[in-house]
Amino acid sequence: MIRTGLFWASFVAILAASPVGAQSKAAAYLIQQAISEGCESHRGTMDASGAIERDLDGDGVPDLIIADDGLRCSGPSPRSINCGMQVCSVTFYLRRGPLLRKVHDMLGAGLSVGSERIPKVHMYAHGGRRGFVRWNGSRFD
């Protein structure tokens, strides 16, 4: 009985620690790495706005954006160490075969992804200015 209880407690803890909305093993791994780094090895969670798995380059397979402003830490600070006063680290990964490859990083907050075939990725910059980047065939511009 005790073993069964320990199994279910462990299982629930693993589910609670799993990244929200991660659809692939590669994305789940990268999100977990971002949580570990951003929370300095303390516990943390990534909300859906901080981990977006969508096709960003128009090739029909899901890519990944990790935005540290979606990260909540249980350590001394509730924010990621990759956040400043206004914006946080935003990292773009493109799927190449079974892997997600880091292709771009920048600072931003309030991320949203458009519905175009090659979507605009909207976010706020320092000072609250709204802008976007988009894959141009060779980089995010």
C-alpha atoms as a PDB file:
ATOM      1  CA  MET A   1       0.000   0.000   0.000  1.00  0.00           C
ATOM      2  CA  ILE A   2       2.818   2.415   0.873  1.00  0.00           C
ATOM      3  CA  ARG A   3       4.604   1.610  -2.410  1.00  0.00           C
ATOM      4  CA  THR A   4       1.447   2.291  -4.388  1.00  0.00           C
ATOM      5  CA  GLY A   5       1.016   5.614  -2.607  1.00  0.00           C
ATOM      6  CA  LEU A   6       4.640   6.557  -3.285  1.00  0.00           C
ATOM      7  CA  PHE A   7       4.258   5.610  -6.953  1.00  0.00           C
ATOM      8  CA  TRP A   8       1.196   7.824  -7.410  1.00  0.00           C
ATOM      9  CA  ALA A   9       2.769  10.693  -5.475  1.00  0.00           C
ATOM     10  CA  SER A  10       5.861  10.479  -7.705  1.00  0.00           C
ATOM     11  CA  PHE A  11       3.731  10.240 -10.832  1.00  0.00           C
ATOM     12  CA  VAL A  12       1.713  13.329  -9.891  1.00  0.00           C
ATOM     13  CA  ALA A  13       4.931  15.245  -9.082  1.00  0.00           C
ATOM     14  CA  ILE A  14       6.349  14.385 -12.515  1.00  0.00           C
ATOM     15  CA  LEU A  15       3.157  15.538 -14.241  1.00  0.00           C
ATOM     16  CA  ALA A  16       3.133  18.776 -12.243  1.00  0.00           C
ATOM     17  CA  ALA A  17       6.740  19.475 -13.228  1.00  0.00           C
ATOM     18  CA  SER A  18       6.122  18.817 -16.935  1.00  0.00           C
ATOM     19  CA  PRO A  19       6.123  21.895 -19.148  1.00  0.00           C
ATOM     20  CA  VAL A  20       2.704  23.194 -20.104  1.00  0.00           C
ATOM     21  CA  GLY A  21       1.739  22.612 -23.706  1.00  0.00           C
ATOM     22  CA  ALA A  22       4.928  20.795 -24.735  1.00  0.00           C
ATOM     23  CA  GLN A  23       4.046  18.454 -27.585  1.00  0.00           C
ATOM     24  CA  SER A  24       7.409  16.881 -28.384  1.00  0.00           C
ATOM     25  CA  LYS A  25      10.189  15.343 -26.317  1.00  0.00           C
ATOM     26  CA  ALA A  26      12.675  17.832 -27.773  1.00  0.00           C
ATOM     27  CA  ALA A  27      10.488  20.789 -26.742  1.00  0.00           C
ATOM     28  CA  ALA A  28       9.866  19.333 -23.269  1.00  0.00           C
ATOM     29  CA  TYR A  29      13.625  18.893 -22.767  1.00  0.00           C
ATOM     30  CA  LEU A  30      14.438  22.469 -23.851  1.00  0.00           C
ATOM     31  CA  ILE A  31      11.658  23.919 -21.710  1.00  0.00           C
ATOM     32  CA  GLN A  32      12.880  21.965 -18.685  1.00  0.00           C
ATOM     33  CA  GLN A  33      16.419  23.261 -19.353  1.00  0.00           C
ATOM     34  CA  ALA A  34      15.066  26.844 -19.504  1.00  0.00           C
ATOM     35  CA  ILE A  35      13.263  26.345 -16.188  1.00  0.00           C
ATOM     36  CA  SER A  36      16.374  24.927 -14.521  1.00  0.00           C
ATOM     37  CA  GLU A  37      18.588  27.744 -15.817  1.00  0.00           C
ATOM     38  CA  GLY A  38      16.120  30.587 -15.303  1.00  0.00           C
ATOM     39  CA  CYS A  39      15.203  29.509 -11.778  1.00  0.00           C
ATOM     40  CA  GLU A  40      18.819  28.713 -10.824  1.00  0.00           C
ATOM     41  CA  SER A  41      17.951  25.043 -10.176  1.00  0.00           C
ATOM     42  CA  HIS A  42      14.947  25.944  -7.984  1.00  0.00           C
ATOM     43  CA  ARG A  43      11.537  24.648  -8.962  1.00  0.00           C
ATOM     44  CA  GLY A  44       9.620  26.536 -11.587  1.00  0.00           C
ATOM     45  CA  THR A  45       6.778  26.348 -14.057  1.00  0.00           C
ATOM     46  CA  MET A  46       6.410  27.622 -17.599  1.00  0.00           C
ATOM     47  CA  ASP A  47       2.997  28.891 -18.607  1.00  0.00           C
ATOM     48  CA  ALA A  48       1.616  28.477 -22.128  1.00  0.00           C
ATOM     49  CA  SER A  49       2.637  32.019 -23.141  1.00  0.00           C
ATOM     50  CA  GLY A  50       6.272  31.176 -22.424  1.00  0.00           C
ATOM     51  CA  ALA A  51       6.545  28.006 -24.503  1.00  0.00           C
ATOM     52  CA  ILE A  52       4.969  28.165 -27.935  1.00  0.00           C
ATOM     53  CA  GLU A  53       5.350  25.216 -30.294  1.00  0.00           C
ATOM     54  CA  ARG A  54       4.209  26.308 -33.777  1.00  0.00           C
ATOM     55  CA  ASP A  55       5.446  26.221 -37.355  1.00  0.00           C
ATOM     56  CA  LEU A  56       7.522  29.408 -37.610  1.00  0.00           C
ATOM     57  CA  ASP A  57       9.289  28.888 -40.942  1.00  0.00           C
ATOM     58  CA  GLY A  58       6.499  27.498 -43.130  1.00  0.00           C
ATOM     59  CA  ASP A  59       7.878  23.965 -43.500  1.00  0.00           C
ATOM     60  CA  GLY A  60       4.844  22.314 -41.907  1.00  0.00           C
ATOM     61  CA  VAL A  61       6.528  21.068 -38.710  1.00  0.00           C
ATOM     62  CA  PRO A  62       6.293  22.677 -35.277  1.00  0.00           C
ATOM     63  CA  ASP A  63       9.176  24.851 -34.105  1.00  0.00           C
ATOM     64  CA  LEU A  64       9.583  26.341 -30.624  1.00  0.00           C
ATOM     65  CA  ILE A  65       9.809  29.715 -28.910  1.00  0.00           C
ATOM     66  CA  ILE A  66      10.773  29.916 -25.242  1.00  0.00           C
ATOM     67  CA  ALA A  67      10.084  33.269 -23.578  1.00  0.00           C
ATOM     68  CA  ASP A  68      11.381  33.616 -20.028  1.00  0.00           C
ATOM     69  CA  ASP A  69       8.611  36.052 -19.080  1.00  0.00           C
ATOM     70  CA  GLY A  70       6.338  32.969 -18.963  1.00  0.00           C
ATOM     71  CA  LEU A  71       8.544  31.365 -16.304  1.00  0.00           C
ATOM     72  CA  ARG A  72       7.576  31.439 -12.612  1.00  0.00           C
ATOM     73  CA  CYS A  73      10.188  30.332 -10.065  1.00  0.00           C
ATOM     74  CA  SER A  74       9.810  29.135  -6.490  1.00  0.00           C
ATOM     75  CA  GLY A  75      13.295  30.306  -5.452  1.00  0.00           C
ATOM     76  CA  PRO A  76      14.315  33.642  -3.964  1.00  0.00           C
ATOM     77  CA  SER A  77      12.928  35.477  -7.003  1.00  0.00           C
ATOM     78  CA  PRO A  78       9.690  34.542  -8.793  1.00  0.00           C
ATOM     79  CA  ARG A  79      11.156  35.747 -12.119  1.00  0.00           C
ATOM     80  CA  SER A  80      13.732  34.134 -14.336  1.00  0.00           C
ATOM     81  CA  ILE A  81      17.331  35.326 -13.948  1.00  0.00           C
ATOM     82  CA  ASN A  82      17.097  35.966 -17.712  1.00  0.00           C
ATOM     83  CA  CYS A  83      14.647  38.830 -17.139  1.00  0.00           C
ATOM     84  CA  GLY A  84      15.430  42.471 -16.583  1.00  0.00           C
ATOM     85  CA  MET A  85      13.093  45.197 -15.384  1.00  0.00           C
ATOM     86  CA  GLN A  86      11.016  45.232 -18.589  1.00  0.00           C
ATOM     87  CA  VAL A  87      11.909  42.352 -20.888  1.00  0.00           C
ATOM     88  CA  CYS A  88      13.243  38.801 -20.790  1.00  0.00           C
ATOM     89  CA  SER A  89      15.182  36.400 -22.960  1.00  0.00           C
ATOM     90  CA  VAL A  90      13.248  34.998 -25.949  1.00  0.00           C
ATOM     91  CA  THR A  91      14.829  32.039 -27.749  1.00  0.00           C
ATOM     92  CA  PHE A  92      13.772  30.668 -31.145  1.00  0.00           C
ATOM     93  CA  TYR A  93      14.340  27.048 -32.195  1.00  0.00           C
ATOM     94  CA  LEU A  94      13.636  25.565 -35.630  1.00  0.00           C
ATOM     95  CA  ARG A  95      13.013  21.872 -36.092  1.00  0.00           C
ATOM     96  CA  ARG A  96      15.608  20.191 -38.245  1.00  0.00           C
ATOM     97  CA  GLY A  97      14.841  16.481 -38.407  1.00  0.00           C
ATOM     98  CA  PRO A  98      13.978  15.224 -34.923  1.00  0.00           C
ATOM     99  CA  LEU A  99      15.940  18.036 -33.241  1.00  0.00           C
ATOM    100  CA  LEU A 100      15.149  21.628 -32.381  1.00  0.00           C
ATOM    101  CA  ARG A 101      18.109  23.888 -33.235  1.00  0.00           C
ATOM    102  CA  LYS A 102      18.588  27.300 -31.616  1.00  0.00           C
ATOM    103  CA  VAL A 103      18.602  29.901 -34.390  1.00  0.00           C
ATOM    104  CA  HIS A 104      17.909  33.248 -32.688  1.00  0.00           C
ATOM    105  CA  ASP A 105      17.595  34.933 -29.321  1.00  0.00           C
ATOM    106  CA  MET A 106      16.563  38.403 -28.322  1.00  0.00           C
ATOM    107  CA  LEU A 107      14.888  40.357 -25.523  1.00  0.00           C
ATOM    108  CA  GLY A 108      11.133  40.817 -25.379  1.00  0.00           C
ATOM    109  CA  ALA A 109       7.925  40.348 -23.405  1.00  0.00           C
ATOM    110  CA  GLY A 110       4.226  39.777 -24.009  1.00  0.00           C
ATOM    111  CA  LEU A 111       4.786  37.322 -26.841  1.00  0.00           C
ATOM    112  CA  SER A 112       2.060  36.442 -29.343  1.00  0.00           C
ATOM    113  CA  VAL A 113       2.268  34.561 -32.633  1.00  0.00           C
ATOM    114  CA  GLY A 114       0.219  35.532 -35.685  1.00  0.00           C
ATOM    115  CA  SER A 115      -1.842  33.160 -37.807  1.00  0.00           C
ATOM    116  CA  GLU A 116       0.007  33.643 -41.113  1.00  0.00           C
ATOM    117  CA  ARG A 117       1.672  30.642 -42.839  1.00  0.00           C
ATOM    118  CA  ILE A 118       5.011  32.151 -41.791  1.00  0.00           C
ATOM    119  CA  PRO A 119       3.744  33.998 -38.733  1.00  0.00           C
ATOM    120  CA  LYS A 120       4.799  37.317 -37.276  1.00  0.00           C
ATOM    121  CA  VAL A 121       6.003  36.922 -33.697  1.00  0.00           C
ATOM    122  CA  HIS A 122       4.811  40.038 -31.853  1.00  0.00           C
ATOM    123  CA  MET A 123       6.339  41.245 -28.579  1.00  0.00           C
ATOM    124  CA  TYR A 124       7.214  44.293 -26.524  1.00  0.00           C
ATOM    125  CA  ALA A 125      10.738  45.725 -26.509  1.00  0.00           C
ATOM    126  CA  HIS A 126      12.426  47.977 -23.936  1.00  0.00           C
ATOM    127  CA  GLY A 127      10.296  51.044 -23.264  1.00  0.00           C
ATOM    128  CA  GLY A 128       7.044  49.260 -24.143  1.00  0.00           C
ATOM    129  CA  ARG A 129       7.379  49.637 -27.902  1.00  0.00           C
ATOM    130  CA  ARG A 130       5.504  46.857 -29.763  1.00  0.00           C
ATOM    131  CA  GLY A 131       7.189  45.139 -32.713  1.00  0.00           C
ATOM    132  CA  PHE A 132       7.556  41.802 -34.440  1.00  0.00           C
ATOM    133  CA  VAL A 133      10.050  39.442 -36.046  1.00  0.00           C
ATOM    134  CA  ARG A 134       9.427  36.903 -38.787  1.00  0.00           C
ATOM    135  CA  TRP A 135      11.463  34.133 -40.450  1.00  0.00           C
ATOM    136  CA  ASN A 136      12.747  35.492 -43.778  1.00  0.00           C
ATOM    137  CA  GLY A 137      14.146  32.240 -45.128  1.00  0.00           C
ATOM    138  CA  SER A 138      17.525  32.489 -43.435  1.00  0.00           C
ATOM    139  CA  ARG A 139      16.955  34.245 -40.088  1.00  0.00           C
ATOM    140  CA  PHE A 140      14.417  36.028 -37.881  1.00  0.00           C
ATOM    141  CA  ASP A 141      14.254  39.637 -38.981  1.00  0.00           C
END
